[in-house]
Amino acid sequence: MQVSKEEILHIAKLANLNLKEEEVAKYMENLEEILNFANVVNKAPIQGLEETIAINEAYNVFRKDEIIQTIEREELLQNAPEQQEGMFKIPKVIN
C-alpha cells in the first residue's frame, strides 16, 4: 500500500514528532511494510476456524495466601553486618 509524504507528515504532526527531511522516506518505507503485512493478515483464510485465546490449556492456579514463619528473625539477623531496631541496617545509597 502506498503512503504519501503528506500522510507521513500528517501522522508525525498528530504524534507530535519533528521529522527531519531525510527521515520521511524511511518512515514512508516502514509504514508501507506494516500496512502490506496487515493486508496479508487480513486476507488470511479464517473460515471454519474456532476462536482461540491461548495456544495451550494453561491457566492460573491460585492458592490461599498464608503467613508462615520459616526462620526466626533473630536467626536471620545473625547474618547482618549491622542491625537496628530488629532490621538489617544498610549504607545509604542515594542522597
N, C-alpha and C. Protein backbone atom coordinates (compact mmCIF):
# COMPACT_ATOMS: atom_id res chain seq x y z
N MET A 1 0.85 -1.17 0.00
CA MET A 1 0.00 0.00 0.00
C MET A 1 0.90 1.24 0.00
N GLN A 2 0.59 2.17 -0.87
CA GLN A 2 1.40 3.38 -0.99
C GLN A 2 1.01 4.40 0.08
N VAL A 3 2.02 5.04 0.63
CA VAL A 3 1.81 6.10 1.61
C VAL A 3 2.49 7.35 1.06
N SER A 4 1.80 8.47 1.11
CA SER A 4 2.38 9.70 0.58
C SER A 4 3.18 10.44 1.65
N LYS A 5 4.01 11.34 1.20
CA LYS A 5 4.81 12.17 2.09
C LYS A 5 3.89 13.01 2.97
N GLU A 6 2.79 13.51 2.39
CA GLU A 6 1.86 14.34 3.15
C GLU A 6 1.21 13.54 4.28
N GLU A 7 0.91 12.26 4.00
CA GLU A 7 0.32 11.42 5.05
C GLU A 7 1.31 11.19 6.19
N ILE A 8 2.56 10.96 5.85
CA ILE A 8 3.59 10.77 6.88
C ILE A 8 3.73 12.04 7.72
N LEU A 9 3.76 13.19 7.07
CA LEU A 9 3.89 14.45 7.79
C LEU A 9 2.67 14.71 8.68
N HIS A 10 1.48 14.32 8.19
CA HIS A 10 0.26 14.49 8.97
C HIS A 10 0.30 13.58 10.21
N ILE A 11 0.71 12.33 10.03
CA ILE A 11 0.81 11.39 11.15
C ILE A 11 1.86 11.89 12.15
N ALA A 12 2.98 12.39 11.64
CA ALA A 12 4.03 12.91 12.52
C ALA A 12 3.51 14.10 13.32
N LYS A 13 2.71 14.94 12.69
CA LYS A 13 2.15 16.09 13.40
C LYS A 13 1.19 15.63 14.49
N LEU A 14 0.35 14.63 14.18
CA LEU A 14 -0.57 14.11 15.18
C LEU A 14 0.17 13.47 16.36
N ALA A 15 1.32 12.85 16.07
CA ALA A 15 2.12 12.20 17.12
C ALA A 15 3.09 13.17 17.77
N ASN A 16 3.05 14.42 17.34
CA ASN A 16 3.95 15.45 17.87
C ASN A 16 5.42 15.08 17.66
N LEU A 17 5.72 14.58 16.45
CA LEU A 17 7.09 14.22 16.08
C LEU A 17 7.66 15.29 15.16
N ASN A 18 8.88 15.62 15.37
CA ASN A 18 9.57 16.55 14.48
C ASN A 18 10.50 15.73 13.59
N LEU A 19 10.04 15.40 12.39
CA LEU A 19 10.84 14.59 11.47
C LEU A 19 11.75 15.47 10.63
N LYS A 20 12.96 14.98 10.46
CA LYS A 20 13.86 15.62 9.51
C LYS A 20 13.50 15.14 8.12
N GLU A 21 13.89 15.91 7.11
CA GLU A 21 13.54 15.60 5.72
C GLU A 21 14.03 14.21 5.32
N GLU A 22 15.24 13.86 5.78
CA GLU A 22 15.80 12.55 5.41
C GLU A 22 15.12 11.39 6.14
N GLU A 23 14.39 11.67 7.20
CA GLU A 23 13.68 10.62 7.93
C GLU A 23 12.34 10.27 7.30
N VAL A 24 11.77 11.19 6.56
CA VAL A 24 10.43 10.98 5.99
C VAL A 24 10.41 9.77 5.07
N ALA A 25 11.41 9.62 4.22
CA ALA A 25 11.44 8.48 3.29
C ALA A 25 11.51 7.16 4.04
N LYS A 26 12.30 7.10 5.11
CA LYS A 26 12.43 5.87 5.90
C LYS A 26 11.11 5.54 6.58
N TYR A 27 10.44 6.56 7.12
CA TYR A 27 9.14 6.34 7.74
C TYR A 27 8.10 5.87 6.71
N MET A 28 8.16 6.43 5.52
CA MET A 28 7.24 6.01 4.46
C MET A 28 7.44 4.53 4.15
N GLU A 29 8.69 4.13 4.00
CA GLU A 29 9.02 2.73 3.71
C GLU A 29 8.54 1.81 4.83
N ASN A 30 8.81 2.19 6.09
CA ASN A 30 8.41 1.36 7.23
C ASN A 30 6.90 1.23 7.33
N LEU A 31 6.19 2.34 7.15
CA LEU A 31 4.73 2.30 7.25
C LEU A 31 4.13 1.47 6.11
N GLU A 32 4.69 1.57 4.91
CA GLU A 32 4.21 0.76 3.80
C GLU A 32 4.40 -0.72 4.09
N GLU A 33 5.53 -1.10 4.69
CA GLU A 33 5.77 -2.51 5.04
C GLU A 33 4.75 -2.98 6.08
N ILE A 34 4.47 -2.15 7.06
CA ILE A 34 3.50 -2.51 8.10
C ILE A 34 2.11 -2.69 7.49
N LEU A 35 1.71 -1.75 6.64
CA LEU A 35 0.38 -1.84 6.02
C LEU A 35 0.28 -3.03 5.07
N ASN A 36 1.36 -3.34 4.34
CA ASN A 36 1.35 -4.51 3.47
C ASN A 36 1.21 -5.79 4.28
N PHE A 37 1.90 -5.86 5.43
CA PHE A 37 1.77 -7.04 6.28
C PHE A 37 0.35 -7.14 6.84
N ALA A 38 -0.23 -6.01 7.22
CA ALA A 38 -1.61 -6.01 7.73
C ALA A 38 -2.56 -6.53 6.66
N ASN A 39 -2.32 -6.19 5.40
CA ASN A 39 -3.15 -6.70 4.30
C ASN A 39 -3.02 -8.21 4.17
N VAL A 40 -1.80 -8.72 4.33
CA VAL A 40 -1.59 -10.17 4.27
C VAL A 40 -2.38 -10.85 5.38
N VAL A 41 -2.31 -10.30 6.57
CA VAL A 41 -3.04 -10.88 7.71
C VAL A 41 -4.55 -10.80 7.48
N ASN A 42 -5.03 -9.68 6.95
CA ASN A 42 -6.46 -9.53 6.70
C ASN A 42 -6.97 -10.50 5.65
N LYS A 43 -6.11 -10.93 4.72
CA LYS A 43 -6.53 -11.83 3.65
C LYS A 43 -6.38 -13.30 4.04
N ALA A 44 -5.88 -13.58 5.23
CA ALA A 44 -5.70 -14.97 5.67
C ALA A 44 -7.06 -15.66 5.75
N PRO A 45 -7.14 -16.91 5.28
CA PRO A 45 -8.42 -17.63 5.33
C PRO A 45 -8.76 -18.02 6.78
N ILE A 46 -9.95 -17.60 7.22
CA ILE A 46 -10.34 -17.90 8.60
C ILE A 46 -11.66 -18.67 8.67
N GLN A 47 -12.22 -19.02 7.52
CA GLN A 47 -13.48 -19.75 7.52
C GLN A 47 -13.27 -21.12 8.17
N GLY A 48 -14.16 -21.45 9.09
CA GLY A 48 -14.11 -22.75 9.74
C GLY A 48 -13.17 -22.83 10.93
N LEU A 49 -12.50 -21.76 11.25
CA LEU A 49 -11.60 -21.77 12.39
C LEU A 49 -12.33 -21.32 13.65
N GLU A 50 -12.00 -21.97 14.76
CA GLU A 50 -12.59 -21.57 16.03
C GLU A 50 -11.71 -20.52 16.69
N GLU A 51 -12.34 -19.69 17.52
CA GLU A 51 -11.58 -18.69 18.26
C GLU A 51 -10.69 -19.38 19.28
N THR A 52 -9.50 -18.85 19.45
CA THR A 52 -8.62 -19.35 20.50
C THR A 52 -8.14 -18.17 21.33
N ILE A 53 -7.99 -18.42 22.59
CA ILE A 53 -7.50 -17.37 23.48
C ILE A 53 -6.01 -17.57 23.73
N ALA A 54 -5.57 -18.80 23.78
CA ALA A 54 -4.16 -19.11 24.02
C ALA A 54 -3.79 -20.34 23.22
N ILE A 55 -2.51 -20.63 23.14
CA ILE A 55 -2.08 -21.78 22.35
C ILE A 55 -2.10 -23.07 23.14
N ASN A 56 -2.27 -22.98 24.45
CA ASN A 56 -2.35 -24.19 25.25
C ASN A 56 -3.45 -24.04 26.30
N GLU A 57 -3.64 -25.05 27.07
CA GLU A 57 -4.72 -25.06 28.05
C GLU A 57 -4.27 -24.61 29.44
N ALA A 58 -3.13 -23.94 29.53
CA ALA A 58 -2.61 -23.48 30.82
C ALA A 58 -3.54 -22.43 31.41
N TYR A 59 -3.62 -22.41 32.72
CA TYR A 59 -4.42 -21.42 33.41
C TYR A 59 -3.75 -21.10 34.73
N ASN A 60 -4.15 -19.99 35.32
CA ASN A 60 -3.57 -19.59 36.60
C ASN A 60 -4.07 -20.51 37.70
N VAL A 61 -3.16 -20.91 38.54
CA VAL A 61 -3.52 -21.70 39.70
C VAL A 61 -3.31 -20.81 40.92
N PHE A 62 -4.38 -20.52 41.61
CA PHE A 62 -4.29 -19.64 42.75
C PHE A 62 -4.25 -20.46 44.03
N ARG A 63 -3.57 -19.93 44.99
CA ARG A 63 -3.54 -20.57 46.30
C ARG A 63 -3.88 -19.53 47.35
N LYS A 64 -4.31 -20.00 48.47
CA LYS A 64 -4.63 -19.09 49.56
C LYS A 64 -3.34 -18.55 50.14
N ASP A 65 -3.29 -17.24 50.35
CA ASP A 65 -2.12 -16.63 50.98
C ASP A 65 -2.13 -16.94 52.46
N GLU A 66 -1.05 -17.50 52.92
CA GLU A 66 -0.93 -17.82 54.33
C GLU A 66 0.41 -17.31 54.83
N ILE A 67 0.40 -16.73 56.00
CA ILE A 67 1.64 -16.27 56.62
C ILE A 67 2.21 -17.44 57.42
N ILE A 68 3.42 -17.81 57.07
CA ILE A 68 4.07 -18.89 57.81
C ILE A 68 5.45 -18.40 58.23
N GLN A 69 5.87 -18.78 59.40
CA GLN A 69 7.17 -18.39 59.91
C GLN A 69 8.13 -19.54 59.59
N THR A 70 9.10 -19.27 58.73
CA THR A 70 10.05 -20.32 58.36
C THR A 70 11.36 -20.19 59.13
N ILE A 71 11.83 -18.97 59.32
CA ILE A 71 13.08 -18.74 60.04
C ILE A 71 12.82 -17.61 61.04
N GLU A 72 13.33 -17.78 62.21
CA GLU A 72 13.16 -16.76 63.24
C GLU A 72 13.96 -15.51 62.87
N ARG A 73 13.43 -14.35 63.23
CA ARG A 73 14.06 -13.07 62.94
C ARG A 73 15.48 -12.99 63.49
N GLU A 74 15.65 -13.44 64.71
CA GLU A 74 16.96 -13.37 65.34
C GLU A 74 17.98 -14.20 64.55
N GLU A 75 17.53 -15.33 64.04
CA GLU A 75 18.41 -16.19 63.25
C GLU A 75 18.83 -15.50 61.95
N LEU A 76 17.91 -14.79 61.31
CA LEU A 76 18.22 -14.05 60.10
C LEU A 76 19.18 -12.90 60.39
N LEU A 77 18.93 -12.19 61.48
CA LEU A 77 19.74 -11.02 61.81
C LEU A 77 21.17 -11.38 62.19
N GLN A 78 21.43 -12.63 62.50
CA GLN A 78 22.79 -13.06 62.79
C GLN A 78 23.68 -12.87 61.56
N ASN A 79 23.11 -12.89 60.36
CA ASN A 79 23.87 -12.73 59.12
C ASN A 79 24.09 -11.26 58.76
N ALA A 80 23.45 -10.36 59.47
CA ALA A 80 23.55 -8.94 59.15
C ALA A 80 24.84 -8.35 59.68
N PRO A 81 25.59 -7.60 58.84
CA PRO A 81 26.77 -6.93 59.36
C PRO A 81 26.41 -5.90 60.43
N GLU A 82 25.27 -5.23 60.22
CA GLU A 82 24.76 -4.28 61.21
C GLU A 82 23.25 -4.43 61.27
N GLN A 83 22.69 -4.16 62.44
CA GLN A 83 21.24 -4.18 62.57
C GLN A 83 20.79 -3.04 63.46
N GLN A 84 19.54 -2.64 63.23
CA GLN A 84 18.98 -1.54 64.01
C GLN A 84 17.48 -1.79 64.16
N GLU A 85 17.00 -1.80 65.37
CA GLU A 85 15.58 -1.98 65.67
C GLU A 85 15.01 -3.24 65.04
N GLY A 86 15.79 -4.31 65.07
CA GLY A 86 15.32 -5.59 64.55
C GLY A 86 15.30 -5.69 63.04
N MET A 87 16.05 -4.82 62.34
CA MET A 87 16.11 -4.85 60.87
C MET A 87 17.55 -4.75 60.41
N PHE A 88 17.80 -5.18 59.17
CA PHE A 88 19.11 -5.01 58.57
C PHE A 88 19.39 -3.52 58.43
N LYS A 89 20.59 -3.08 58.76
CA LYS A 89 20.98 -1.70 58.55
C LYS A 89 21.97 -1.71 57.39
N ILE A 90 21.65 -0.93 56.36
CA ILE A 90 22.49 -0.89 55.16
C ILE A 90 22.98 0.52 54.93
N PRO A 91 24.08 0.68 54.18
CA PRO A 91 24.57 2.03 53.89
C PRO A 91 23.58 2.79 53.01
N LYS A 92 23.54 4.10 53.20
CA LYS A 92 22.70 4.96 52.38
C LYS A 92 23.20 4.92 50.95
N VAL A 93 22.31 4.74 49.96
CA VAL A 93 22.73 4.64 48.56
C VAL A 93 22.34 5.84 47.72
N ILE A 94 21.44 6.68 48.20
CA ILE A 94 21.08 7.90 47.47
C ILE A 94 21.15 9.08 48.42
N ASN A 95 21.38 10.23 47.86
CA ASN A 95 21.45 11.43 48.69
C ASN A 95 20.10 12.01 48.96
